[in-house]
Amino acid sequence: MILLALALAGLGAADQRALWWRFRDPAANEPSDSAYRSKRIVAFLCAAVMMGMVLWTFTW
């Protein structure tokens, strides 16, 4: 779980536009800035929840 949380934190910290697969017409298919922001926030929240679960499991 710790490795998965670190991977999610890494994805959240990475440049979302660099991760986006380029199509023939990127402007027509690329997600909006708010979509990039929400993906980053969700990745960080999932990583935080997973780390909380790890801490809760191993400290009780």
PDB file of N, CA and C in Angstrom:
ATOM      1  N   MET A   1       0.816  -1.192   0.000  1.00  0.00           N
ATOM      2  CA  MET A   1       0.000   0.000   0.000  1.00  0.00           C
ATOM      3  C   MET A   1       0.861   1.259   0.000  1.00  0.00           C
ATOM      4  N   ILE A   2       1.989   1.165   0.684  1.00  0.00           N
ATOM      5  CA  ILE A   2       2.880   2.326   0.722  1.00  0.00           C
ATOM      6  C   ILE A   2       3.430   2.620  -0.666  1.00  0.00           C
ATOM      7  N   LEU A   3       3.799   1.569  -1.400  1.00  0.00           N
ATOM      8  CA  LEU A   3       4.319   1.774  -2.758  1.00  0.00           C
ATOM      9  C   LEU A   3       3.253   2.354  -3.681  1.00  0.00           C
ATOM     10  N   LEU A   4       2.033   1.894  -3.535  1.00  0.00           N
ATOM     11  CA  LEU A   4       0.951   2.439  -4.343  1.00  0.00           C
ATOM     12  C   LEU A   4       0.683   3.892  -3.980  1.00  0.00           C
ATOM     13  N   ALA A   5       0.749   4.226  -2.704  1.00  0.00           N
ATOM     14  CA  ALA A   5       0.562   5.614  -2.280  1.00  0.00           C
ATOM     15  C   ALA A   5       1.678   6.496  -2.837  1.00  0.00           C
ATOM     16  N   LEU A   6       2.903   5.980  -2.836  1.00  0.00           N
ATOM     17  CA  LEU A   6       4.009   6.753  -3.420  1.00  0.00           C
ATOM     18  C   LEU A   6       3.838   6.923  -4.923  1.00  0.00           C
ATOM     19  N   ALA A   7       3.352   5.889  -5.596  1.00  0.00           N
ATOM     20  CA  ALA A   7       3.106   5.996  -7.038  1.00  0.00           C
ATOM     21  C   ALA A   7       2.021   7.029  -7.325  1.00  0.00           C
ATOM     22  N   LEU A   8       0.960   7.034  -6.525  1.00  0.00           N
ATOM     23  CA  LEU A   8      -0.101   8.025  -6.711  1.00  0.00           C
ATOM     24  C   LEU A   8       0.403   9.440  -6.443  1.00  0.00           C
ATOM     25  N   ALA A   9       1.238   9.588  -5.424  1.00  0.00           N
ATOM     26  CA  ALA A   9       1.808  10.910  -5.141  1.00  0.00           C
ATOM     27  C   ALA A   9       2.718  11.342  -6.281  1.00  0.00           C
ATOM     28  N   GLY A  10       3.452  10.401  -6.854  1.00  0.00           N
ATOM     29  CA  GLY A  10       4.300  10.723  -8.005  1.00  0.00           C
ATOM     30  C   GLY A  10       3.482  11.141  -9.210  1.00  0.00           C
ATOM     31  N   LEU A  11       2.368  10.462  -9.448  1.00  0.00           N
ATOM     32  CA  LEU A  11       1.496  10.857 -10.550  1.00  0.00           C
ATOM     33  C   LEU A  11       0.874  12.225 -10.302  1.00  0.00           C
ATOM     34  N   GLY A  12       0.568  12.514  -9.062  1.00  0.00           N
ATOM     35  CA  GLY A  12       0.017  13.824  -8.744  1.00  0.00           C
ATOM     36  C   GLY A  12       1.034  14.930  -8.918  1.00  0.00           C
ATOM     37  N   ALA A  13       2.296  14.623  -8.647  1.00  0.00           N
ATOM     38  CA  ALA A  13       3.342  15.631  -8.760  1.00  0.00           C
ATOM     39  C   ALA A  13       3.838  15.796 -10.196  1.00  0.00           C
ATOM     40  N   ALA A  14       3.588  14.816 -11.045  1.00  0.00           N
ATOM     41  CA  ALA A  14       4.071  14.869 -12.430  1.00  0.00           C
ATOM     42  C   ALA A  14       3.273  15.885 -13.242  1.00  0.00           C
ATOM     43  N   ASP A  15       3.865  16.308 -14.333  1.00  0.00           N
ATOM     44  CA  ASP A  15       3.192  17.223 -15.243  1.00  0.00           C
ATOM     45  C   ASP A  15       2.085  16.468 -15.965  1.00  0.00           C
ATOM     46  N   GLN A  16       0.843  16.858 -15.747  1.00  0.00           N
ATOM     47  CA  GLN A  16      -0.288  16.129 -16.308  1.00  0.00           C
ATOM     48  C   GLN A  16      -0.347  16.244 -17.827  1.00  0.00           C
ATOM     49  N   ARG A  17       0.090  17.358 -18.361  1.00  0.00           N
ATOM     50  CA  ARG A  17       0.078  17.515 -19.814  1.00  0.00           C
ATOM     51  C   ARG A  17       1.099  16.602 -20.478  1.00  0.00           C
ATOM     52  N   ALA A  18       2.212  16.340 -19.816  1.00  0.00           N
ATOM     53  CA  ALA A  18       3.217  15.436 -20.379  1.00  0.00           C
ATOM     54  C   ALA A  18       2.727  13.995 -20.361  1.00  0.00           C
ATOM     55  N   LEU A  19       1.833  13.658 -19.438  1.00  0.00           N
ATOM     56  CA  LEU A  19       1.299  12.304 -19.361  1.00  0.00           C
ATOM     57  C   LEU A  19       0.180  12.058 -20.365  1.00  0.00           C
ATOM     58  N   TRP A  20      -0.393  13.131 -20.905  1.00  0.00           N
ATOM     59  CA  TRP A  20      -1.538  13.013 -21.788  1.00  0.00           C
ATOM     60  C   TRP A  20      -1.110  12.465 -23.137  1.00  0.00           C
ATOM     61  N   TRP A  21      -1.822  11.449 -23.618  1.00  0.00           N
ATOM     62  CA  TRP A  21      -1.548  10.862 -24.925  1.00  0.00           C
ATOM     63  C   TRP A  21      -1.956  11.851 -26.005  1.00  0.00           C
ATOM     64  N   ARG A  22      -1.066  12.089 -26.937  1.00  0.00           N
ATOM     65  CA  ARG A  22      -1.344  13.062 -28.002  1.00  0.00           C
ATOM     66  C   ARG A  22      -2.082  12.412 -29.162  1.00  0.00           C
ATOM     67  N   PHE A  23      -3.183  13.024 -29.545  1.00  0.00           N
ATOM     68  CA  PHE A  23      -3.958  12.568 -30.688  1.00  0.00           C
ATOM     69  C   PHE A  23      -3.575  13.390 -31.908  1.00  0.00           C
ATOM     70  N   ARG A  24      -4.255  13.153 -33.008  1.00  0.00           N
ATOM     71  CA  ARG A  24      -3.957  13.915 -34.225  1.00  0.00           C
ATOM     72  C   ARG A  24      -4.268  15.398 -34.038  1.00  0.00           C
ATOM     73  N   ASP A  25      -5.336  15.679 -33.313  1.00  0.00           N
ATOM     74  CA  ASP A  25      -5.727  17.056 -33.056  1.00  0.00           C
ATOM     75  C   ASP A  25      -5.771  17.258 -31.540  1.00  0.00           C
ATOM     76  N   PRO A  26      -4.632  17.554 -30.910  1.00  0.00           N
ATOM     77  CA  PRO A  26      -4.599  17.636 -29.443  1.00  0.00           C
ATOM     78  C   PRO A  26      -5.546  18.679 -28.863  1.00  0.00           C
ATOM     79  N   ALA A  27      -5.755  19.770 -29.566  1.00  0.00           N
ATOM     80  CA  ALA A  27      -6.620  20.827 -29.024  1.00  0.00           C
ATOM     81  C   ALA A  27      -8.068  20.352 -28.904  1.00  0.00           C
ATOM     82  N   ALA A  28      -8.487  19.465 -29.781  1.00  0.00           N
ATOM     83  CA  ALA A  28      -9.865  18.987 -29.742  1.00  0.00           C
ATOM     84  C   ALA A  28     -10.058  17.892 -28.703  1.00  0.00           C
ATOM     85  N   ASN A  29      -9.002  17.181 -28.343  1.00  0.00           N
ATOM     86  CA  ASN A  29      -9.130  16.027 -27.460  1.00  0.00           C
ATOM     87  C   ASN A  29      -8.531  16.221 -26.079  1.00  0.00           C
ATOM     88  N   GLU A  30      -7.750  17.259 -25.899  1.00  0.00           N
ATOM     89  CA  GLU A  30      -7.066  17.442 -24.623  1.00  0.00           C
ATOM     90  C   GLU A  30      -8.039  17.893 -23.540  1.00  0.00           C
ATOM     91  N   PRO A  31      -7.916  17.320 -22.328  1.00  0.00           N
ATOM     92  CA  PRO A  31      -8.792  17.744 -21.230  1.00  0.00           C
ATOM     93  C   PRO A  31      -8.556  19.205 -20.845  1.00  0.00           C
ATOM     94  N   SER A  32      -9.518  19.765 -20.157  1.00  0.00           N
ATOM     95  CA  SER A  32      -9.407  21.159 -19.734  1.00  0.00           C
ATOM     96  C   SER A  32      -8.446  21.275 -18.556  1.00  0.00           C
ATOM     97  N   ASP A  33      -8.104  22.506 -18.214  1.00  0.00           N
ATOM     98  CA  ASP A  33      -7.218  22.749 -17.075  1.00  0.00           C
ATOM     99  C   ASP A  33      -7.842  22.269 -15.770  1.00  0.00           C
ATOM    100  N   SER A  34      -9.154  22.425 -15.637  1.00  0.00           N
ATOM    101  CA  SER A  34      -9.809  21.959 -14.410  1.00  0.00           C
ATOM    102  C   SER A  34      -9.783  20.430 -14.313  1.00  0.00           C
ATOM    103  N   ALA A  35      -9.824  19.738 -15.441  1.00  0.00           N
ATOM    104  CA  ALA A  35      -9.725  18.277 -15.423  1.00  0.00           C
ATOM    105  C   ALA A  35      -8.336  17.852 -14.974  1.00  0.00           C
ATOM    106  N   TYR A  36      -7.309  18.533 -15.472  1.00  0.00           N
ATOM    107  CA  TYR A  36      -5.947  18.239 -15.023  1.00  0.00           C
ATOM    108  C   TYR A  36      -5.809  18.484 -13.523  1.00  0.00           C
ATOM    109  N   ARG A  37      -6.358  19.595 -13.053  1.00  0.00           N
ATOM    110  CA  ARG A  37      -6.270  19.952 -11.644  1.00  0.00           C
ATOM    111  C   ARG A  37      -7.005  18.937 -10.776  1.00  0.00           C
ATOM    112  N   SER A  38      -8.187  18.518 -11.216  1.00  0.00           N
ATOM    113  CA  SER A  38      -8.953  17.561 -10.424  1.00  0.00           C
ATOM    114  C   SER A  38      -8.267  16.198 -10.377  1.00  0.00           C
ATOM    115  N   LYS A  39      -7.633  15.777 -11.465  1.00  0.00           N
ATOM    116  CA  LYS A  39      -6.889  14.511 -11.451  1.00  0.00           C
ATOM    117  C   LYS A  39      -5.724  14.584 -10.478  1.00  0.00           C
ATOM    118  N   ARG A  40      -5.051  15.718 -10.441  1.00  0.00           N
ATOM    119  CA  ARG A  40      -3.934  15.892  -9.515  1.00  0.00           C
ATOM    120  C   ARG A  40      -4.415  15.863  -8.069  1.00  0.00           C
ATOM    121  N   ILE A  41      -5.510  16.550  -7.793  1.00  0.00           N
ATOM    122  CA  ILE A  41      -6.052  16.584  -6.430  1.00  0.00           C
ATOM    123  C   ILE A  41      -6.507  15.195  -5.995  1.00  0.00           C
ATOM    124  N   VAL A  42      -7.178  14.467  -6.883  1.00  0.00           N
ATOM    125  CA  VAL A  42      -7.646  13.119  -6.548  1.00  0.00           C
ATOM    126  C   VAL A  42      -6.466  12.189  -6.291  1.00  0.00           C
ATOM    127  N   ALA A  43      -5.398  12.309  -7.075  1.00  0.00           N
ATOM    128  CA  ALA A  43      -4.223  11.459  -6.854  1.00  0.00           C
ATOM    129  C   ALA A  43      -3.607  11.733  -5.488  1.00  0.00           C
ATOM    130  N   PHE A  44      -3.475  13.003  -5.118  1.00  0.00           N
ATOM    131  CA  PHE A  44      -2.923  13.336  -3.802  1.00  0.00           C
ATOM    132  C   PHE A  44      -3.855  12.886  -2.668  1.00  0.00           C
ATOM    133  N   LEU A  45      -5.166  13.047  -2.850  1.00  0.00           N
ATOM    134  CA  LEU A  45      -6.106  12.611  -1.817  1.00  0.00           C
ATOM    135  C   LEU A  45      -6.077  11.093  -1.637  1.00  0.00           C
ATOM    136  N   CYS A  46      -6.016  10.363  -2.733  1.00  0.00           N
ATOM    137  CA  CYS A  46      -5.936   8.900  -2.633  1.00  0.00           C
ATOM    138  C   CYS A  46      -4.644   8.478  -1.946  1.00  0.00           C
ATOM    139  N   ALA A  47      -3.544   9.139  -2.259  1.00  0.00           N
ATOM    140  CA  ALA A  47      -2.275   8.817  -1.605  1.00  0.00           C
ATOM    141  C   ALA A  47      -2.355   9.113  -0.109  1.00  0.00           C
ATOM    142  N   ALA A  48      -2.974  10.224   0.260  1.00  0.00           N
ATOM    143  CA  ALA A  48      -3.097  10.572   1.673  1.00  0.00           C
ATOM    144  C   ALA A  48      -3.998   9.583   2.412  1.00  0.00           C
ATOM    145  N   VAL A  49      -5.087   9.174   1.781  1.00  0.00           N
ATOM    146  CA  VAL A  49      -5.985   8.202   2.405  1.00  0.00           C
ATOM    147  C   VAL A  49      -5.277   6.866   2.578  1.00  0.00           C
ATOM    148  N   MET A  50      -4.531   6.451   1.579  1.00  0.00           N
ATOM    149  CA  MET A  50      -3.808   5.175   1.692  1.00  0.00           C
ATOM    150  C   MET A  50      -2.756   5.233   2.789  1.00  0.00           C
ATOM    151  N   MET A  51      -2.041   6.317   2.888  1.00  0.00           N
ATOM    152  CA  MET A  51      -1.057   6.440   3.963  1.00  0.00           C
ATOM    153  C   MET A  51      -1.750   6.474   5.323  1.00  0.00           C
ATOM    154  N   GLY A  52      -2.900   7.119   5.407  1.00  0.00           N
ATOM    155  CA  GLY A  52      -3.673   7.112   6.643  1.00  0.00           C
ATOM    156  C   GLY A  52      -4.124   5.711   7.018  1.00  0.00           C
ATOM    157  N   MET A  53      -4.529   4.925   6.019  1.00  0.00           N
ATOM    158  CA  MET A  53      -4.928   3.549   6.279  1.00  0.00           C
ATOM    159  C   MET A  53      -3.754   2.714   6.756  1.00  0.00           C
ATOM    160  N   VAL A  54      -2.578   2.938   6.161  1.00  0.00           N
ATOM    161  CA  VAL A  54      -1.385   2.208   6.584  1.00  0.00           C
ATOM    162  C   VAL A  54      -1.037   2.567   8.024  1.00  0.00           C
ATOM    163  N   LEU A  55      -1.032   3.840   8.338  1.00  0.00           N
ATOM    164  CA  LEU A  55      -0.712   4.269   9.699  1.00  0.00           C
ATOM    165  C   LEU A  55      -1.734   3.757  10.698  1.00  0.00           C
ATOM    166  N   TRP A  56      -3.008   3.810  10.347  1.00  0.00           N
ATOM    167  CA  TRP A  56      -4.060   3.349  11.235  1.00  0.00           C
ATOM    168  C   TRP A  56      -3.939   1.839  11.472  1.00  0.00           C
ATOM    169  N   THR A  57      -3.611   1.095  10.409  1.00  0.00           N
ATOM    170  CA  THR A  57      -3.521  -0.362  10.520  1.00  0.00           C
ATOM    171  C   THR A  57      -2.335  -0.776  11.405  1.00  0.00           C
ATOM    172  N   PHE A  58      -1.195  -0.136  11.225  1.00  0.00           N
ATOM    173  CA  PHE A  58      -0.011  -0.586  11.911  1.00  0.00           C
ATOM    174  C   PHE A  58       0.224   0.078  13.274  1.00  0.00           C
ATOM    175  N   THR A  59      -0.582   1.055  13.640  1.00  0.00           N
ATOM    176  CA  THR A  59      -0.412   1.687  14.942  1.00  0.00           C
ATOM    177  C   THR A  59      -1.438   1.205  15.961  1.00  0.00           C
ATOM    178  N   TRP A  60      -2.467   0.529  15.551  1.00  0.00           N
ATOM    179  CA  TRP A  60      -3.496   0.052  16.492  1.00  0.00           C
ATOM    180  C   TRP A  60      -3.195  -1.319  16.923  1.00  0.00           C
TER     181      TRP A  60
END
